């Protein structure tokens, strides 16, 4: 009979992290709760979307002035 004790690798962080689908890698930051990780994920996505919007606006402005 087993006593139910589990052993975890000490190098593996315990918590939540974010996976970058474009770069195909896991970001190094680790969050203690799922809520913290989801909040940071939403912030990063919003930051990325806002950056894309300004690039498109810049390109549209550049095209109009040509």
PDB file of N, CA and C in Angstrom:
ATOM      1  N   UNK A   1       0.832  -1.177   0.000  1.00  0.00           N
ATOM      2  CA  UNK A   1       0.000   0.000   0.000  1.00  0.00           C
ATOM      3  C   UNK A   1       0.883   1.249   0.000  1.00  0.00           C
ATOM      4  N   UNK A   2       0.480   2.266  -0.767  1.00  0.00           N
ATOM      5  CA  UNK A   2       1.237   3.513  -0.844  1.00  0.00           C
ATOM      6  C   UNK A   2       0.647   4.544   0.104  1.00  0.00           C
ATOM      7  N   UNK A   3       1.515   5.415   0.603  1.00  0.00           N
ATOM      8  CA  UNK A   3       1.037   6.418   1.560  1.00  0.00           C
ATOM      9  C   UNK A   3       0.524   7.695   0.886  1.00  0.00           C
ATOM     10  N   UNK A   4       0.627   7.811  -0.428  1.00  0.00           N
ATOM     11  CA  UNK A   4       0.086   8.964  -1.154  1.00  0.00           C
ATOM     12  C   UNK A   4       1.001  10.165  -1.212  1.00  0.00           C
ATOM     13  N   UNK A   5       2.231  10.049  -0.740  1.00  0.00           N
ATOM     14  CA  UNK A   5       3.171  11.158  -0.794  1.00  0.00           C
ATOM     15  C   UNK A   5       3.677  11.317  -2.221  1.00  0.00           C
ATOM     16  N   UNK A   6       3.759  12.552  -2.680  1.00  0.00           N
ATOM     17  CA  UNK A   6       4.272  12.824  -4.021  1.00  0.00           C
ATOM     18  C   UNK A   6       5.544  13.645  -3.905  1.00  0.00           C
ATOM     19  N   UNK A   7       6.450  13.383  -4.807  1.00  0.00           N
ATOM     20  CA  UNK A   7       7.693  14.134  -4.856  1.00  0.00           C
ATOM     21  C   UNK A   7       7.717  14.921  -6.157  1.00  0.00           C
ATOM     22  N   UNK A   8       8.081  16.188  -6.069  1.00  0.00           N
ATOM     23  CA  UNK A   8       8.135  17.044  -7.242  1.00  0.00           C
ATOM     24  C   UNK A   8       9.578  17.453  -7.496  1.00  0.00           C
ATOM     25  N   UNK A   9       9.899  17.646  -8.760  1.00  0.00           N
ATOM     26  CA  UNK A   9      11.217  18.121  -9.147  1.00  0.00           C
ATOM     27  C   UNK A   9      11.416  19.522  -8.562  1.00  0.00           C
ATOM     28  N   UNK A  10      12.525  19.748  -7.916  1.00  0.00           N
ATOM     29  CA  UNK A  10      12.749  21.046  -7.285  1.00  0.00           C
ATOM     30  C   UNK A  10      13.042  22.153  -8.284  1.00  0.00           C
ATOM     31  N   UNK A  11      13.431  21.816  -9.516  1.00  0.00           N
ATOM     32  CA  UNK A  11      13.717  22.856 -10.499  1.00  0.00           C
ATOM     33  C   UNK A  11      12.452  23.355 -11.183  1.00  0.00           C
ATOM     34  N   UNK A  12      11.365  22.613 -11.092  1.00  0.00           N
ATOM     35  CA  UNK A  12      10.111  23.033 -11.725  1.00  0.00           C
ATOM     36  C   UNK A  12       9.384  24.018 -10.816  1.00  0.00           C
ATOM     37  N   UNK A  13       9.093  25.220 -11.329  1.00  0.00           N
ATOM     38  CA  UNK A  13       8.375  26.180 -10.494  1.00  0.00           C
ATOM     39  C   UNK A  13       6.937  25.729 -10.270  1.00  0.00           C
ATOM     40  N   UNK A  14       6.426  26.002  -9.092  1.00  0.00           N
ATOM     41  CA  UNK A  14       5.039  25.684  -8.791  1.00  0.00           C
ATOM     42  C   UNK A  14       4.249  26.972  -8.944  1.00  0.00           C
ATOM     43  N   UNK A  15       3.201  26.929  -9.709  1.00  0.00           N
ATOM     44  CA  UNK A  15       2.386  28.111  -9.958  1.00  0.00           C
ATOM     45  C   UNK A  15       1.904  28.102 -11.394  1.00  0.00           C
ATOM     46  N   UNK A  16       1.636  29.276 -11.923  1.00  0.00           N
ATOM     47  CA  UNK A  16       1.104  29.424 -13.267  1.00  0.00           C
ATOM     48  C   UNK A  16       2.051  30.286 -14.086  1.00  0.00           C
ATOM     49  N   UNK A  17       2.158  29.971 -15.374  1.00  0.00           N
ATOM     50  CA  UNK A  17       2.958  30.795 -16.259  1.00  0.00           C
ATOM     51  C   UNK A  17       2.194  31.027 -17.553  1.00  0.00           C
ATOM     52  N   UNK A  18       2.773  31.797 -18.470  1.00  0.00           N
ATOM     53  CA  UNK A  18       2.110  32.180 -19.716  1.00  0.00           C
ATOM     54  C   UNK A  18       2.898  31.612 -20.884  1.00  0.00           C
ATOM     55  N   UNK A  19       2.175  31.051 -21.854  1.00  0.00           N
ATOM     56  CA  UNK A  19       2.786  30.492 -23.054  1.00  0.00           C
ATOM     57  C   UNK A  19       2.557  31.447 -24.216  1.00  0.00           C
ATOM     58  N   UNK A  20       3.627  31.802 -24.916  1.00  0.00           N
ATOM     59  CA  UNK A  20       3.552  32.688 -26.078  1.00  0.00           C
ATOM     60  C   UNK A  20       3.330  31.830 -27.316  1.00  0.00           C
ATOM     61  N   UNK A  21       2.133  31.890 -27.892  1.00  0.00           N
ATOM     62  CA  UNK A  21       1.803  31.071 -29.054  1.00  0.00           C
ATOM     63  C   UNK A  21       2.562  31.476 -30.305  1.00  0.00           C
ATOM     64  N   UNK A  22       2.909  32.751 -30.444  1.00  0.00           N
ATOM     65  CA  UNK A  22       3.639  33.198 -31.628  1.00  0.00           C
ATOM     66  C   UNK A  22       5.093  32.756 -31.577  1.00  0.00           C
ATOM     67  N   UNK A  23       5.741  32.956 -30.448  1.00  0.00           N
ATOM     68  CA  UNK A  23       7.155  32.596 -30.300  1.00  0.00           C
ATOM     69  C   UNK A  23       7.344  31.124 -29.939  1.00  0.00           C
ATOM     70  N   UNK A  24       6.261  30.450 -29.588  1.00  0.00           N
ATOM     71  CA  UNK A  24       6.283  29.039 -29.198  1.00  0.00           C
ATOM     72  C   UNK A  24       7.218  28.796 -28.015  1.00  0.00           C
ATOM     73  N   UNK A  25       7.043  29.622 -26.974  1.00  0.00           N
ATOM     74  CA  UNK A  25       7.839  29.439 -25.759  1.00  0.00           C
ATOM     75  C   UNK A  25       7.060  29.890 -24.540  1.00  0.00           C
ATOM     76  N   UNK A  26       7.462  29.374 -23.404  1.00  0.00           N
ATOM     77  CA  UNK A  26       6.835  29.712 -22.137  1.00  0.00           C
ATOM     78  C   UNK A  26       7.589  30.893 -21.532  1.00  0.00           C
ATOM     79  N   UNK A  27       6.865  31.939 -21.142  1.00  0.00           N
ATOM     80  CA  UNK A  27       7.507  33.101 -20.532  1.00  0.00           C
ATOM     81  C   UNK A  27       8.061  32.726 -19.161  1.00  0.00           C
ATOM     82  N   UNK A  28       9.131  33.384 -18.750  1.00  0.00           N
ATOM     83  CA  UNK A  28       9.832  32.997 -17.523  1.00  0.00           C
ATOM     84  C   UNK A  28       9.087  33.346 -16.242  1.00  0.00           C
ATOM     85  N   UNK A  29       8.245  34.368 -16.288  1.00  0.00           N
ATOM     86  CA  UNK A  29       7.533  34.787 -15.070  1.00  0.00           C
ATOM     87  C   UNK A  29       6.569  33.700 -14.603  1.00  0.00           C
ATOM     88  N   UNK A  30       6.498  33.509 -13.291  1.00  0.00           N
ATOM     89  CA  UNK A  30       5.583  32.541 -12.683  1.00  0.00           C
ATOM     90  C   UNK A  30       4.675  33.290 -11.717  1.00  0.00           C
ATOM     91  N   UNK A  31       3.402  32.964 -11.751  1.00  0.00           N
ATOM     92  CA  UNK A  31       2.401  33.632 -10.914  1.00  0.00           C
ATOM     93  C   UNK A  31       1.838  32.643  -9.915  1.00  0.00           C
ATOM     94  N   UNK A  32       1.583  33.105  -8.711  1.00  0.00           N
ATOM     95  CA  UNK A  32       1.109  32.231  -7.642  1.00  0.00           C
ATOM     96  C   UNK A  32      -0.314  31.749  -7.869  1.00  0.00           C
ATOM     97  N   UNK A  33      -1.148  32.584  -8.494  1.00  0.00           N
ATOM     98  CA  UNK A  33      -2.544  32.202  -8.703  1.00  0.00           C
ATOM     99  C   UNK A  33      -2.899  32.285 -10.177  1.00  0.00           C
ATOM    100  N   UNK A  34      -3.927  31.551 -10.543  1.00  0.00           N
ATOM    101  CA  UNK A  34      -4.408  31.568 -11.918  1.00  0.00           C
ATOM    102  C   UNK A  34      -4.935  32.966 -12.278  1.00  0.00           C
ATOM    103  N   UNK A  35      -5.578  33.631 -11.326  1.00  0.00           N
ATOM    104  CA  UNK A  35      -6.126  34.972 -11.558  1.00  0.00           C
ATOM    105  C   UNK A  35      -5.010  35.947 -11.929  1.00  0.00           C
ATOM    106  N   UNK A  36      -3.884  35.889 -11.215  1.00  0.00           N
ATOM    107  CA  UNK A  36      -2.741  36.762 -11.528  1.00  0.00           C
ATOM    108  C   UNK A  36      -2.214  36.480 -12.928  1.00  0.00           C
ATOM    109  N   UNK A  37      -2.084  35.210 -13.283  1.00  0.00           N
ATOM    110  CA  UNK A  37      -1.580  34.836 -14.606  1.00  0.00           C
ATOM    111  C   UNK A  37      -2.539  35.285 -15.704  1.00  0.00           C
ATOM    112  N   UNK A  38      -3.837  35.094 -15.501  1.00  0.00           N
ATOM    113  CA  UNK A  38      -4.825  35.513 -16.499  1.00  0.00           C
ATOM    114  C   UNK A  38      -4.837  37.027 -16.662  1.00  0.00           C
ATOM    115  N   UNK A  39      -4.696  37.749 -15.559  1.00  0.00           N
ATOM    116  CA  UNK A  39      -4.662  39.208 -15.607  1.00  0.00           C
ATOM    117  C   UNK A  39      -3.453  39.693 -16.406  1.00  0.00           C
ATOM    118  N   UNK A  40      -2.293  39.113 -16.158  1.00  0.00           N
ATOM    119  CA  UNK A  40      -1.081  39.486 -16.891  1.00  0.00           C
ATOM    120  C   UNK A  40      -1.210  39.108 -18.361  1.00  0.00           C
ATOM    121  N   UNK A  41      -1.808  37.974 -18.647  1.00  0.00           N
ATOM    122  CA  UNK A  41      -2.020  37.538 -20.028  1.00  0.00           C
ATOM    123  C   UNK A  41      -2.909  38.542 -20.768  1.00  0.00           C
ATOM    124  N   UNK A  42      -3.978  38.977 -20.134  1.00  0.00           N
ATOM    125  CA  UNK A  42      -4.864  39.970 -20.745  1.00  0.00           C
ATOM    126  C   UNK A  42      -4.130  41.284 -20.974  1.00  0.00           C
ATOM    127  N   UNK A  43      -3.302  41.685 -20.011  1.00  0.00           N
ATOM    128  CA  UNK A  43      -2.536  42.926 -20.152  1.00  0.00           C
ATOM    129  C   UNK A  43      -1.567  42.840 -21.330  1.00  0.00           C
ATOM    130  N   UNK A  44      -0.871  41.708 -21.452  1.00  0.00           N
ATOM    131  CA  UNK A  44       0.070  41.524 -22.555  1.00  0.00           C
ATOM    132  C   UNK A  44      -0.647  41.513 -23.902  1.00  0.00           C
ATOM    133  N   UNK A  45      -1.802  40.845 -23.968  1.00  0.00           N
ATOM    134  CA  UNK A  45      -2.567  40.811 -25.216  1.00  0.00           C
ATOM    135  C   UNK A  45      -3.059  42.204 -25.601  1.00  0.00           C
ATOM    136  N   UNK A  46      -3.540  42.971 -24.627  1.00  0.00           N
ATOM    137  CA  UNK A  46      -4.007  44.326 -24.895  1.00  0.00           C
ATOM    138  C   UNK A  46      -2.853  45.198 -25.386  1.00  0.00           C
ATOM    139  N   UNK A  47      -1.703  45.061 -24.747  1.00  0.00           N
ATOM    140  CA  UNK A  47      -0.514  45.813 -25.149  1.00  0.00           C
ATOM    141  C   UNK A  47      -0.134  45.474 -26.586  1.00  0.00           C
ATOM    142  N   UNK A  48      -0.192  44.201 -26.940  1.00  0.00           N
ATOM    143  CA  UNK A  48       0.132  43.762 -28.295  1.00  0.00           C
ATOM    144  C   UNK A  48      -0.873  44.313 -29.298  1.00  0.00           C
ATOM    145  N   UNK A  49      -2.166  44.251 -28.965  1.00  0.00           N
ATOM    146  CA  UNK A  49      -3.202  44.756 -29.868  1.00  0.00           C
ATOM    147  C   UNK A  49      -3.094  46.265 -30.064  1.00  0.00           C
ATOM    148  N   UNK A  50      -2.779  46.993 -29.008  1.00  0.00           N
ATOM    149  CA  UNK A  50      -2.622  48.440 -29.122  1.00  0.00           C
ATOM    150  C   UNK A  50      -1.419  48.771 -29.994  1.00  0.00           C
ATOM    151  N   UNK A  51      -0.358  47.988 -29.887  1.00  0.00           N
ATOM    152  CA  UNK A  51       0.821  48.188 -30.723  1.00  0.00           C
ATOM    153  C   UNK A  51       0.520  47.938 -32.186  1.00  0.00           C
ATOM    154  N   UNK A  52      -0.300  46.933 -32.472  1.00  0.00           N
ATOM    155  CA  UNK A  52      -0.688  46.631 -33.851  1.00  0.00           C
ATOM    156  C   UNK A  52      -1.533  47.756 -34.417  1.00  0.00           C
ATOM    157  N   UNK A  53      -2.413  48.311 -33.597  1.00  0.00           N
ATOM    158  CA  UNK A  53      -3.275  49.397 -34.049  1.00  0.00           C
ATOM    159  C   UNK A  53      -2.477  50.620 -34.446  1.00  0.00           C
ATOM    160  N   UNK A  54      -1.463  50.967 -33.682  1.00  0.00           N
ATOM    161  CA  UNK A  54      -0.670  52.143 -34.007  1.00  0.00           C
ATOM    162  C   UNK A  54       0.159  51.912 -35.254  1.00  0.00           C
ATOM    163  N   UNK A  55       0.629  50.684 -35.478  1.00  0.00           N
ATOM    164  CA  UNK A  55       1.367  50.390 -36.706  1.00  0.00           C
ATOM    165  C   UNK A  55       0.456  50.520 -37.915  1.00  0.00           C
ATOM    166  N   UNK A  56      -0.776  50.018 -37.814  1.00  0.00           N
ATOM    167  CA  UNK A  56      -1.721  50.116 -38.920  1.00  0.00           C
ATOM    168  C   UNK A  56      -2.086  51.572 -39.184  1.00  0.00           C
ATOM    169  N   UNK A  57      -2.295  52.349 -38.116  1.00  0.00           N
ATOM    170  CA  UNK A  57      -2.619  53.760 -38.285  1.00  0.00           C
ATOM    171  C   UNK A  57      -1.458  54.496 -38.935  1.00  0.00           C
ATOM    172  N   UNK A  58      -0.243  54.191 -38.519  1.00  0.00           N
ATOM    173  CA  UNK A  58       0.936  54.823 -39.096  1.00  0.00           C
ATOM    174  C   UNK A  58       1.043  54.480 -40.572  1.00  0.00           C
ATOM    175  N   UNK A  59       0.819  53.219 -40.915  1.00  0.00           N
ATOM    176  CA  UNK A  59       0.900  52.786 -42.301  1.00  0.00           C
ATOM    177  C   UNK A  59      -0.178  53.480 -43.127  1.00  0.00           C
ATOM    178  N   UNK A  60      -1.406  53.564 -42.602  1.00  0.00           N
ATOM    179  CA  UNK A  60      -2.502  54.222 -43.316  1.00  0.00           C
ATOM    180  C   UNK A  60      -2.178  55.702 -43.518  1.00  0.00           C
ATOM    181  N   UNK A  61      -1.616  56.345 -42.510  1.00  0.00           N
ATOM    182  CA  UNK A  61      -1.237  57.748 -42.627  1.00  0.00           C
ATOM    183  C   UNK A  61      -0.141  57.900 -43.668  1.00  0.00           C
ATOM    184  N   UNK A  62       0.808  57.003 -43.658  1.00  0.00           N
ATOM    185  CA  UNK A  62       1.897  57.050 -44.623  1.00  0.00           C
ATOM    186  C   UNK A  62       1.363  56.872 -46.038  1.00  0.00           C
ATOM    187  N   UNK A  63       0.429  55.974 -46.236  1.00  0.00           N
ATOM    188  CA  UNK A  63      -0.133  55.731 -47.562  1.00  0.00           C
ATOM    189  C   UNK A  63      -0.914  56.946 -48.049  1.00  0.00           C
ATOM    190  N   UNK A  64      -1.644  57.615 -47.173  1.00  0.00           N
ATOM    191  CA  UNK A  64      -2.438  58.768 -47.582  1.00  0.00           C
ATOM    192  C   UNK A  64      -1.546  59.926 -48.028  1.00  0.00           C
ATOM    193  N   UNK A  65      -0.406  60.087 -47.400  1.00  0.00           N
ATOM    194  CA  UNK A  65       0.449  61.220 -47.731  1.00  0.00           C
ATOM    195  C   UNK A  65       1.307  60.976 -48.967  1.00  0.00           C
ATOM    196  N   UNK A  66       1.325  59.768 -49.503  1.00  0.00           N
ATOM    197  CA  UNK A  66       2.141  59.461 -50.689  1.00  0.00           C
ATOM    198  C   UNK A  66       1.524  60.000 -51.949  1.00  0.00           C
TER     199      UNK A  66
END
